[in-house]
Amino acid sequence: MNNHALILYIILAAGLPVTYFYGGFLLAALFFLIWFDEVVFSILKVPAIVGLEFATLASVVLGLNFGPVAAFVFLVVYKPITRTLRQLWVSYADENESPFAPSAEELVFFLISLLAMFFAFVPFLFLFMALVIVKDVLVLLSDIYIDGELDPYTLNMVPNFFFNLFIGYYASGLLGFA
């Protein structure tokens, strides 16, 4: 194991108790979801294929329960740091994000969190699915206009929608939003 992998594990080991102390089990679980999505899923390339929206789920719940400051810290500060360290450990030729700077996709996640906050009166499942669609469209537009090319996994949006319908339904009951 190299130093970058060790740092990622230290971030997880240090971050879980800190987030638990600050915001309880839910915030620690969101911290873990973002870490797992950014590290494990990114290395395996699983969510891009099947469309697991753990980061979107975390963004929506952050916006609903913890507000814009926590969403900013998690999505615009913590997520890019974790991504950069993961890129130092396992890098892919198709990644072109600047180190430690938020990418367009991470800013989209923050926007999703803000939208969740403003539309908190909408039932969770409908809100989550609408924000999955908004996120997919915004990421598609950023792929076209910022990156200049389409991510091949972006075209999986339709099957992803139905897979995330299941995740949203399960999360709404688990989080008490049902």
N, C-alpha and C. Protein backbone atom coordinates (compact mmCIF):
# COMPACT_ATOMS: atom_id res chain seq x y z
N MET A 1 0.86 -1.18 0.00
CA MET A 1 0.00 0.00 0.00
C MET A 1 0.91 1.24 0.00
N ASN A 2 0.59 2.19 -0.87
CA ASN A 2 1.42 3.40 -0.92
C ASN A 2 0.87 4.48 0.01
N ASN A 3 1.58 5.60 0.06
CA ASN A 3 1.20 6.68 0.99
C ASN A 3 -0.15 7.29 0.67
N HIS A 4 -0.51 7.37 -0.61
CA HIS A 4 -1.79 7.98 -0.98
C HIS A 4 -2.96 7.13 -0.50
N ALA A 5 -2.83 5.82 -0.60
CA ALA A 5 -3.88 4.94 -0.10
C ALA A 5 -3.99 5.07 1.41
N LEU A 6 -2.86 5.14 2.08
CA LEU A 6 -2.85 5.30 3.53
C LEU A 6 -3.55 6.60 3.94
N ILE A 7 -3.29 7.67 3.22
CA ILE A 7 -3.93 8.96 3.52
C ILE A 7 -5.45 8.86 3.34
N LEU A 8 -5.90 8.15 2.29
CA LEU A 8 -7.34 7.97 2.09
C LEU A 8 -7.98 7.22 3.26
N TYR A 9 -7.29 6.22 3.77
CA TYR A 9 -7.82 5.48 4.91
C TYR A 9 -7.77 6.31 6.19
N ILE A 10 -6.75 7.14 6.34
CA ILE A 10 -6.67 8.03 7.50
C ILE A 10 -7.80 9.05 7.46
N ILE A 11 -8.10 9.57 6.26
CA ILE A 11 -9.22 10.50 6.11
C ILE A 11 -10.52 9.83 6.57
N LEU A 12 -10.72 8.59 6.16
CA LEU A 12 -11.92 7.86 6.56
C LEU A 12 -11.93 7.64 8.07
N ALA A 13 -10.81 7.16 8.61
CA ALA A 13 -10.74 6.84 10.04
C ALA A 13 -10.89 8.10 10.92
N ALA A 14 -10.35 9.22 10.46
CA ALA A 14 -10.47 10.46 11.24
C ALA A 14 -11.81 11.15 11.00
N GLY A 15 -12.30 11.07 9.78
CA GLY A 15 -13.52 11.79 9.43
C GLY A 15 -14.78 11.20 10.02
N LEU A 16 -14.84 9.90 10.14
CA LEU A 16 -16.06 9.27 10.68
C LEU A 16 -16.35 9.73 12.11
N PRO A 17 -15.39 9.68 13.04
CA PRO A 17 -15.72 10.15 14.39
C PRO A 17 -16.00 11.65 14.45
N VAL A 18 -15.30 12.43 13.66
CA VAL A 18 -15.52 13.89 13.67
C VAL A 18 -16.92 14.21 13.17
N THR A 19 -17.33 13.59 12.06
CA THR A 19 -18.66 13.86 11.53
C THR A 19 -19.75 13.30 12.45
N TYR A 20 -19.46 12.18 13.09
CA TYR A 20 -20.42 11.62 14.05
C TYR A 20 -20.60 12.57 15.23
N PHE A 21 -19.51 13.11 15.72
CA PHE A 21 -19.57 14.05 16.84
C PHE A 21 -20.32 15.32 16.45
N TYR A 22 -20.07 15.80 15.23
CA TYR A 22 -20.69 17.05 14.78
C TYR A 22 -22.17 16.88 14.43
N GLY A 23 -22.50 15.81 13.72
CA GLY A 23 -23.87 15.71 13.22
C GLY A 23 -24.56 14.38 13.45
N GLY A 24 -23.95 13.49 14.21
CA GLY A 24 -24.58 12.21 14.50
C GLY A 24 -24.35 11.17 13.43
N PHE A 25 -25.09 10.08 13.57
CA PHE A 25 -24.92 8.93 12.69
C PHE A 25 -25.18 9.29 11.23
N LEU A 26 -26.21 10.09 10.96
CA LEU A 26 -26.56 10.41 9.58
C LEU A 26 -25.42 11.15 8.87
N LEU A 27 -24.82 12.14 9.51
CA LEU A 27 -23.73 12.87 8.87
C LEU A 27 -22.51 11.96 8.67
N ALA A 28 -22.23 11.09 9.63
CA ALA A 28 -21.12 10.15 9.48
C ALA A 28 -21.41 9.18 8.33
N ALA A 29 -22.65 8.75 8.20
CA ALA A 29 -23.02 7.86 7.09
C ALA A 29 -22.88 8.57 5.75
N LEU A 30 -23.24 9.85 5.68
CA LEU A 30 -23.07 10.61 4.44
C LEU A 30 -21.59 10.79 4.11
N PHE A 31 -20.79 11.04 5.13
CA PHE A 31 -19.34 11.13 4.95
C PHE A 31 -18.81 9.83 4.34
N PHE A 32 -19.25 8.70 4.90
CA PHE A 32 -18.82 7.41 4.38
C PHE A 32 -19.31 7.18 2.96
N LEU A 33 -20.58 7.54 2.68
CA LEU A 33 -21.11 7.35 1.32
C LEU A 33 -20.29 8.12 0.29
N ILE A 34 -19.95 9.35 0.60
CA ILE A 34 -19.16 10.16 -0.34
C ILE A 34 -17.76 9.56 -0.49
N TRP A 35 -17.15 9.14 0.62
CA TRP A 35 -15.83 8.52 0.55
C TRP A 35 -15.89 7.24 -0.27
N PHE A 36 -16.89 6.40 0.01
CA PHE A 36 -17.03 5.13 -0.70
C PHE A 36 -17.27 5.36 -2.18
N ASP A 37 -18.12 6.33 -2.51
CA ASP A 37 -18.40 6.66 -3.91
C ASP A 37 -17.15 7.16 -4.62
N GLU A 38 -16.41 8.03 -3.95
CA GLU A 38 -15.25 8.67 -4.57
C GLU A 38 -14.04 7.74 -4.64
N VAL A 39 -13.90 6.84 -3.68
CA VAL A 39 -12.72 5.98 -3.64
C VAL A 39 -13.03 4.60 -4.22
N VAL A 40 -13.85 3.84 -3.54
CA VAL A 40 -14.07 2.45 -3.93
C VAL A 40 -14.80 2.35 -5.26
N PHE A 41 -15.94 3.03 -5.38
CA PHE A 41 -16.69 2.94 -6.62
C PHE A 41 -15.92 3.52 -7.81
N SER A 42 -15.16 4.58 -7.59
CA SER A 42 -14.40 5.17 -8.69
C SER A 42 -13.30 4.24 -9.16
N ILE A 43 -12.68 3.54 -8.24
CA ILE A 43 -11.64 2.59 -8.63
C ILE A 43 -12.25 1.42 -9.40
N LEU A 44 -13.39 0.93 -8.95
CA LEU A 44 -14.03 -0.21 -9.60
C LEU A 44 -14.81 0.17 -10.85
N LYS A 45 -15.12 1.47 -11.01
CA LYS A 45 -15.94 1.98 -12.13
C LYS A 45 -17.33 1.34 -12.16
N VAL A 46 -17.82 0.88 -11.01
CA VAL A 46 -19.13 0.24 -10.94
C VAL A 46 -20.28 1.22 -11.10
N PRO A 47 -20.31 2.35 -10.39
CA PRO A 47 -21.50 3.19 -10.47
C PRO A 47 -21.71 3.78 -11.84
N ALA A 48 -20.63 4.01 -12.56
CA ALA A 48 -20.77 4.59 -13.89
C ALA A 48 -21.50 3.63 -14.81
N ILE A 49 -21.35 2.35 -14.57
CA ILE A 49 -21.99 1.36 -15.42
C ILE A 49 -23.44 1.13 -15.01
N VAL A 50 -23.68 0.94 -13.72
CA VAL A 50 -25.04 0.65 -13.27
C VAL A 50 -25.77 1.87 -12.75
N GLY A 51 -25.07 2.96 -12.51
CA GLY A 51 -25.73 4.20 -12.13
C GLY A 51 -26.03 4.36 -10.66
N LEU A 52 -25.21 3.84 -9.79
CA LEU A 52 -25.42 4.06 -8.36
C LEU A 52 -25.23 5.53 -8.05
N GLU A 53 -26.23 6.15 -7.49
CA GLU A 53 -26.20 7.58 -7.21
C GLU A 53 -25.98 7.84 -5.73
N PHE A 54 -24.94 7.26 -5.14
CA PHE A 54 -24.69 7.49 -3.73
C PHE A 54 -24.30 8.93 -3.45
N ALA A 55 -23.52 9.54 -4.34
CA ALA A 55 -23.13 10.93 -4.13
C ALA A 55 -24.35 11.85 -4.28
N THR A 56 -25.24 11.54 -5.21
CA THR A 56 -26.46 12.34 -5.36
C THR A 56 -27.36 12.16 -4.14
N LEU A 57 -27.48 10.93 -3.67
CA LEU A 57 -28.27 10.69 -2.47
C LEU A 57 -27.68 11.46 -1.29
N ALA A 58 -26.37 11.42 -1.13
CA ALA A 58 -25.72 12.16 -0.05
C ALA A 58 -25.94 13.66 -0.22
N SER A 59 -25.88 14.16 -1.46
CA SER A 59 -26.09 15.59 -1.71
C SER A 59 -27.50 16.03 -1.32
N VAL A 60 -28.49 15.23 -1.69
CA VAL A 60 -29.88 15.57 -1.38
C VAL A 60 -30.10 15.55 0.14
N VAL A 61 -29.61 14.52 0.81
CA VAL A 61 -29.81 14.42 2.25
C VAL A 61 -29.03 15.51 2.98
N LEU A 62 -27.84 15.85 2.50
CA LEU A 62 -27.10 16.97 3.09
C LEU A 62 -27.91 18.26 3.01
N GLY A 63 -28.47 18.53 1.84
CA GLY A 63 -29.27 19.74 1.66
C GLY A 63 -30.51 19.75 2.54
N LEU A 64 -31.16 18.60 2.67
CA LEU A 64 -32.39 18.54 3.46
C LEU A 64 -32.13 18.63 4.96
N ASN A 65 -31.05 18.02 5.42
CA ASN A 65 -30.84 17.90 6.87
C ASN A 65 -29.78 18.80 7.46
N PHE A 66 -28.81 19.22 6.69
CA PHE A 66 -27.67 19.92 7.28
C PHE A 66 -27.41 21.30 6.69
N GLY A 67 -28.05 21.65 5.60
CA GLY A 67 -27.94 23.00 5.06
C GLY A 67 -26.74 23.23 4.15
N PRO A 68 -26.61 24.49 3.69
CA PRO A 68 -25.62 24.80 2.66
C PRO A 68 -24.17 24.75 3.13
N VAL A 69 -23.91 25.04 4.40
CA VAL A 69 -22.51 25.04 4.86
C VAL A 69 -21.96 23.62 4.86
N ALA A 70 -22.70 22.68 5.44
CA ALA A 70 -22.26 21.28 5.44
C ALA A 70 -22.15 20.75 4.01
N ALA A 71 -23.11 21.10 3.16
CA ALA A 71 -23.06 20.66 1.77
C ALA A 71 -21.82 21.22 1.07
N PHE A 72 -21.50 22.48 1.33
CA PHE A 72 -20.31 23.08 0.72
C PHE A 72 -19.04 22.36 1.20
N VAL A 73 -18.95 22.13 2.50
CA VAL A 73 -17.75 21.48 3.05
C VAL A 73 -17.61 20.06 2.47
N PHE A 74 -18.69 19.33 2.43
CA PHE A 74 -18.64 17.94 1.95
C PHE A 74 -18.41 17.85 0.45
N LEU A 75 -19.12 18.68 -0.33
CA LEU A 75 -19.15 18.50 -1.78
C LEU A 75 -18.15 19.36 -2.53
N VAL A 76 -17.77 20.50 -1.99
CA VAL A 76 -16.86 21.40 -2.70
C VAL A 76 -15.46 21.38 -2.10
N VAL A 77 -15.33 20.91 -0.85
CA VAL A 77 -14.01 20.85 -0.22
C VAL A 77 -13.56 19.39 -0.07
N TYR A 78 -14.34 18.59 0.66
CA TYR A 78 -13.93 17.22 0.98
C TYR A 78 -13.89 16.30 -0.25
N LYS A 79 -14.92 16.38 -1.11
CA LYS A 79 -14.98 15.49 -2.28
C LYS A 79 -13.81 15.72 -3.24
N PRO A 80 -13.43 16.97 -3.57
CA PRO A 80 -12.26 17.15 -4.44
C PRO A 80 -10.94 16.69 -3.81
N ILE A 81 -10.81 16.86 -2.50
CA ILE A 81 -9.59 16.40 -1.84
C ILE A 81 -9.50 14.88 -1.94
N THR A 82 -10.61 14.21 -1.65
CA THR A 82 -10.63 12.75 -1.73
C THR A 82 -10.39 12.28 -3.16
N ARG A 83 -11.00 12.95 -4.14
CA ARG A 83 -10.80 12.58 -5.54
C ARG A 83 -9.34 12.74 -5.94
N THR A 84 -8.71 13.84 -5.52
CA THR A 84 -7.32 14.09 -5.88
C THR A 84 -6.41 13.03 -5.28
N LEU A 85 -6.63 12.69 -4.02
CA LEU A 85 -5.80 11.66 -3.39
C LEU A 85 -6.02 10.30 -4.05
N ARG A 86 -7.26 10.01 -4.43
CA ARG A 86 -7.52 8.76 -5.15
C ARG A 86 -6.85 8.77 -6.52
N GLN A 87 -6.83 9.92 -7.19
CA GLN A 87 -6.16 10.01 -8.49
C GLN A 87 -4.65 9.82 -8.35
N LEU A 88 -4.09 10.26 -7.24
CA LEU A 88 -2.67 10.04 -7.01
C LEU A 88 -2.38 8.56 -6.78
N TRP A 89 -3.35 7.87 -6.19
CA TRP A 89 -3.19 6.45 -5.90
C TRP A 89 -3.48 5.62 -7.16
N VAL A 90 -4.65 5.84 -7.77
CA VAL A 90 -5.06 5.14 -8.98
C VAL A 90 -5.55 6.19 -9.96
N SER A 91 -4.80 6.40 -11.00
CA SER A 91 -5.16 7.43 -11.98
C SER A 91 -5.65 6.78 -13.26
N TYR A 92 -6.56 7.45 -13.93
CA TYR A 92 -7.11 6.97 -15.20
C TYR A 92 -6.80 8.00 -16.28
N ALA A 93 -6.60 7.52 -17.48
CA ALA A 93 -6.26 8.41 -18.59
C ALA A 93 -7.39 9.38 -18.92
N ASP A 94 -8.63 9.00 -18.63
CA ASP A 94 -9.77 9.85 -19.01
C ASP A 94 -10.10 10.91 -17.97
N GLU A 95 -9.36 10.99 -16.89
CA GLU A 95 -9.62 12.00 -15.86
C GLU A 95 -8.79 13.24 -16.15
N ASN A 96 -9.45 14.38 -16.16
CA ASN A 96 -8.74 15.62 -16.45
C ASN A 96 -9.07 16.74 -15.46
N GLU A 97 -9.54 16.38 -14.26
CA GLU A 97 -9.86 17.40 -13.28
C GLU A 97 -8.58 17.94 -12.64
N SER A 98 -8.62 19.20 -12.27
CA SER A 98 -7.49 19.82 -11.60
C SER A 98 -7.38 19.28 -10.17
N PRO A 99 -6.16 19.12 -9.69
CA PRO A 99 -6.02 18.62 -8.32
C PRO A 99 -6.55 19.61 -7.28
N PHE A 100 -7.26 19.09 -6.31
CA PHE A 100 -7.79 19.82 -5.16
C PHE A 100 -8.80 20.91 -5.52
N ALA A 101 -9.12 21.10 -6.78
CA ALA A 101 -10.12 22.09 -7.18
C ALA A 101 -11.42 21.35 -7.51
N PRO A 102 -12.55 21.92 -7.14
CA PRO A 102 -13.81 21.25 -7.47
C PRO A 102 -14.02 21.19 -8.98
N SER A 103 -14.46 20.04 -9.44
CA SER A 103 -14.78 19.88 -10.86
C SER A 103 -16.19 20.39 -11.11
N ALA A 104 -16.57 20.44 -12.37
CA ALA A 104 -17.93 20.86 -12.71
C ALA A 104 -18.95 19.90 -12.09
N GLU A 105 -18.63 18.63 -12.08
CA GLU A 105 -19.55 17.64 -11.51
C GLU A 105 -19.73 17.85 -10.00
N GLU A 106 -18.67 18.20 -9.31
CA GLU A 106 -18.79 18.45 -7.87
C GLU A 106 -19.60 19.72 -7.60
N LEU A 107 -19.48 20.70 -8.44
CA LEU A 107 -20.32 21.90 -8.31
C LEU A 107 -21.78 21.57 -8.60
N VAL A 108 -22.02 20.64 -9.52
CA VAL A 108 -23.38 20.19 -9.80
C VAL A 108 -23.96 19.51 -8.56
N PHE A 109 -23.16 18.68 -7.88
CA PHE A 109 -23.63 18.04 -6.64
C PHE A 109 -24.00 19.09 -5.59
N PHE A 110 -23.22 20.14 -5.49
CA PHE A 110 -23.53 21.21 -4.53
C PHE A 110 -24.84 21.91 -4.93
N LEU A 111 -25.01 22.17 -6.22
CA LEU A 111 -26.26 22.77 -6.69
C LEU A 111 -27.45 21.86 -6.39
N ILE A 112 -27.28 20.56 -6.56
CA ILE A 112 -28.34 19.60 -6.24
C ILE A 112 -28.70 19.69 -4.76
N SER A 113 -27.69 19.84 -3.92
CA SER A 113 -27.92 19.97 -2.48
C SER A 113 -28.71 21.24 -2.17
N LEU A 114 -28.37 22.34 -2.82
CA LEU A 114 -29.11 23.59 -2.62
C LEU A 114 -30.55 23.47 -3.11
N LEU A 115 -30.74 22.82 -4.26
CA LEU A 115 -32.10 22.63 -4.78
C LEU A 115 -32.92 21.77 -3.82
N ALA A 116 -32.30 20.75 -3.25
CA ALA A 116 -33.01 19.91 -2.28
C ALA A 116 -33.48 20.74 -1.09
N MET A 117 -32.63 21.67 -0.67
CA MET A 117 -32.99 22.53 0.45
C MET A 117 -34.21 23.39 0.12
N PHE A 118 -34.23 23.95 -1.08
CA PHE A 118 -35.33 24.84 -1.47
C PHE A 118 -36.62 24.10 -1.75
N PHE A 119 -36.52 22.84 -2.14
CA PHE A 119 -37.72 22.06 -2.46
C PHE A 119 -37.96 20.97 -1.42
N ALA A 120 -37.66 21.26 -0.18
CA ALA A 120 -37.80 20.30 0.91
C ALA A 120 -39.25 19.88 1.13
N PHE A 121 -40.21 20.67 0.65
CA PHE A 121 -41.62 20.36 0.84
C PHE A 121 -42.10 19.23 -0.09
N VAL A 122 -41.31 18.89 -1.10
CA VAL A 122 -41.66 17.83 -2.05
C VAL A 122 -41.35 16.48 -1.39
N PRO A 123 -42.22 15.48 -1.56
CA PRO A 123 -41.91 14.16 -1.00
C PRO A 123 -40.54 13.66 -1.48
N PHE A 124 -39.83 12.99 -0.58
CA PHE A 124 -38.42 12.64 -0.81
C PHE A 124 -38.21 11.87 -2.11
N LEU A 125 -39.00 10.85 -2.36
CA LEU A 125 -38.78 10.02 -3.55
C LEU A 125 -38.89 10.85 -4.82
N PHE A 126 -39.91 11.71 -4.92
CA PHE A 126 -40.07 12.55 -6.10
C PHE A 126 -38.93 13.56 -6.21
N LEU A 127 -38.56 14.14 -5.07
CA LEU A 127 -37.46 15.10 -5.06
C LEU A 127 -36.17 14.43 -5.50
N PHE A 128 -35.86 13.27 -4.94
CA PHE A 128 -34.63 12.57 -5.30
C PHE A 128 -34.60 12.23 -6.78
N MET A 129 -35.68 11.70 -7.31
CA MET A 129 -35.70 11.31 -8.72
C MET A 129 -35.62 12.54 -9.63
N ALA A 130 -36.30 13.62 -9.26
CA ALA A 130 -36.20 14.85 -10.06
C ALA A 130 -34.77 15.38 -10.04
N LEU A 131 -34.12 15.32 -8.89
CA LEU A 131 -32.75 15.82 -8.79
C LEU A 131 -31.75 14.90 -9.48
N VAL A 132 -32.04 13.61 -9.55
CA VAL A 132 -31.20 12.69 -10.34
C VAL A 132 -31.26 13.11 -11.81
N ILE A 133 -32.46 13.43 -12.29
CA ILE A 133 -32.61 13.87 -13.69
C ILE A 133 -31.89 15.19 -13.92
N VAL A 134 -32.08 16.15 -13.00
CA VAL A 134 -31.41 17.45 -13.12
C VAL A 134 -29.90 17.25 -13.12
N LYS A 135 -29.41 16.41 -12.21
CA LYS A 135 -27.96 16.15 -12.14
C LYS A 135 -27.45 15.53 -13.45
N ASP A 136 -28.19 14.54 -13.97
CA ASP A 136 -27.77 13.90 -15.22
C ASP A 136 -27.71 14.89 -16.36
N VAL A 137 -28.70 15.76 -16.45
CA VAL A 137 -28.72 16.76 -17.53
C VAL A 137 -27.57 17.75 -17.36
N LEU A 138 -27.34 18.23 -16.13
CA LEU A 138 -26.25 19.18 -15.89
C LEU A 138 -24.88 18.55 -16.14
N VAL A 139 -24.71 17.30 -15.75
CA VAL A 139 -23.44 16.61 -16.01
C VAL A 139 -23.26 16.40 -17.52
N LEU A 140 -24.34 16.05 -18.21
CA LEU A 140 -24.28 15.90 -19.66
C LEU A 140 -23.87 17.22 -20.33
N LEU A 141 -24.46 18.32 -19.88
CA LEU A 141 -24.11 19.63 -20.44
C LEU A 141 -22.66 20.00 -20.10
N SER A 142 -22.21 19.69 -18.90
CA SER A 142 -20.82 20.01 -18.56
C SER A 142 -19.86 19.13 -19.35
N ASP A 143 -20.25 17.88 -19.62
CA ASP A 143 -19.40 17.02 -20.46
C ASP A 143 -19.26 17.62 -21.85
N ILE A 144 -20.35 18.13 -22.39
CA ILE A 144 -20.33 18.66 -23.76
C ILE A 144 -19.62 20.00 -23.81
N TYR A 145 -19.99 20.93 -22.92
CA TYR A 145 -19.49 22.30 -23.04
C TYR A 145 -18.19 22.58 -22.30
N ILE A 146 -17.89 21.83 -21.25
CA ILE A 146 -16.65 22.08 -20.51
C ILE A 146 -15.57 21.09 -20.94
N ASP A 147 -15.91 19.79 -20.95
CA ASP A 147 -14.93 18.77 -21.32
C ASP A 147 -14.79 18.63 -22.84
N GLY A 148 -15.83 19.01 -23.57
CA GLY A 148 -15.78 18.92 -25.02
C GLY A 148 -16.04 17.53 -25.56
N GLU A 149 -16.41 16.60 -24.70
CA GLU A 149 -16.71 15.24 -25.14
C GLU A 149 -17.68 14.59 -24.17
N LEU A 150 -18.36 13.56 -24.64
CA LEU A 150 -19.30 12.84 -23.80
C LEU A 150 -18.59 11.72 -23.05
N ASP A 151 -18.88 11.61 -21.78
CA ASP A 151 -18.44 10.44 -21.01
C ASP A 151 -19.28 9.28 -21.51
N PRO A 152 -18.68 8.15 -21.89
CA PRO A 152 -19.49 7.05 -22.43
C PRO A 152 -20.54 6.53 -21.46
N TYR A 153 -20.32 6.71 -20.16
CA TYR A 153 -21.29 6.23 -19.18
C TYR A 153 -22.49 7.16 -19.05
N THR A 154 -22.39 8.37 -19.58
CA THR A 154 -23.50 9.32 -19.51
C THR A 154 -24.71 8.79 -20.26
N LEU A 155 -24.49 7.98 -21.25
CA LEU A 155 -25.59 7.47 -22.07
C LEU A 155 -26.41 6.40 -21.35
N ASN A 156 -26.02 6.02 -20.16
CA ASN A 156 -26.77 5.03 -19.37
C ASN A 156 -27.87 5.67 -18.53
N MET A 157 -28.27 6.88 -18.84
CA MET A 157 -29.21 7.61 -17.99
C MET A 157 -30.55 6.91 -17.81
N VAL A 158 -31.09 6.32 -18.86
CA VAL A 158 -32.42 5.71 -18.76
C VAL A 158 -32.41 4.50 -17.82
N PRO A 159 -31.51 3.53 -18.00
CA PRO A 159 -31.50 2.43 -17.02
C PRO A 159 -31.13 2.90 -15.61
N ASN A 160 -30.28 3.92 -15.53
CA ASN A 160 -29.90 4.47 -14.23
C ASN A 160 -31.11 5.03 -13.49
N PHE A 161 -32.02 5.64 -14.24
CA PHE A 161 -33.21 6.23 -13.63
C PHE A 161 -33.99 5.16 -12.86
N PHE A 162 -34.21 4.02 -13.48
CA PHE A 162 -34.99 2.97 -12.83
C PHE A 162 -34.23 2.34 -11.67
N PHE A 163 -32.93 2.21 -11.81
CA PHE A 163 -32.13 1.68 -10.71
C PHE A 163 -32.17 2.64 -9.52
N ASN A 164 -32.10 3.93 -9.80
CA ASN A 164 -32.13 4.93 -8.73
C ASN A 164 -33.52 5.12 -8.15
N LEU A 165 -34.54 4.77 -8.88
CA LEU A 165 -35.88 4.76 -8.33
C LEU A 165 -35.95 3.79 -7.15
N PHE A 166 -35.31 2.64 -7.31
CA PHE A 166 -35.23 1.66 -6.23
C PHE A 166 -34.43 2.22 -5.05
N ILE A 167 -33.28 2.83 -5.32
CA ILE A 167 -32.44 3.40 -4.26
C ILE A 167 -33.21 4.50 -3.52
N GLY A 168 -33.90 5.37 -4.26
CA GLY A 168 -34.66 6.45 -3.65
C GLY A 168 -35.81 5.94 -2.81
N TYR A 169 -36.47 4.90 -3.30
CA TYR A 169 -37.58 4.31 -2.53
C TYR A 169 -37.06 3.71 -1.24
N TYR A 170 -35.98 2.98 -1.33
CA TYR A 170 -35.39 2.35 -0.14
C TYR A 170 -34.89 3.42 0.83
N ALA A 171 -34.20 4.43 0.31
CA ALA A 171 -33.65 5.49 1.17
C ALA A 171 -34.77 6.30 1.84
N SER A 172 -35.87 6.53 1.13
CA SER A 172 -36.97 7.31 1.74
C SER A 172 -37.54 6.61 2.95
N GLY A 173 -37.63 5.29 2.91
CA GLY A 173 -38.10 4.54 4.07
C GLY A 173 -37.04 4.46 5.15
N LEU A 174 -35.81 4.24 4.76
CA LEU A 174 -34.70 4.11 5.71
C LEU A 174 -34.46 5.41 6.47
N LEU A 175 -34.57 6.54 5.77
CA LEU A 175 -34.29 7.83 6.39
C LEU A 175 -35.52 8.45 7.05
N GLY A 176 -36.64 7.77 6.97
CA GLY A 176 -37.84 8.27 7.62
C GLY A 176 -38.56 9.35 6.82
N PHE A 177 -38.31 9.44 5.51
CA PHE A 177 -38.96 10.42 4.68
C PHE A 177 -40.23 9.91 4.06
N ALA A 178 -40.54 8.63 4.25
CA ALA A 178 -41.69 8.01 3.58
C ALA A 178 -43.00 8.55 4.11
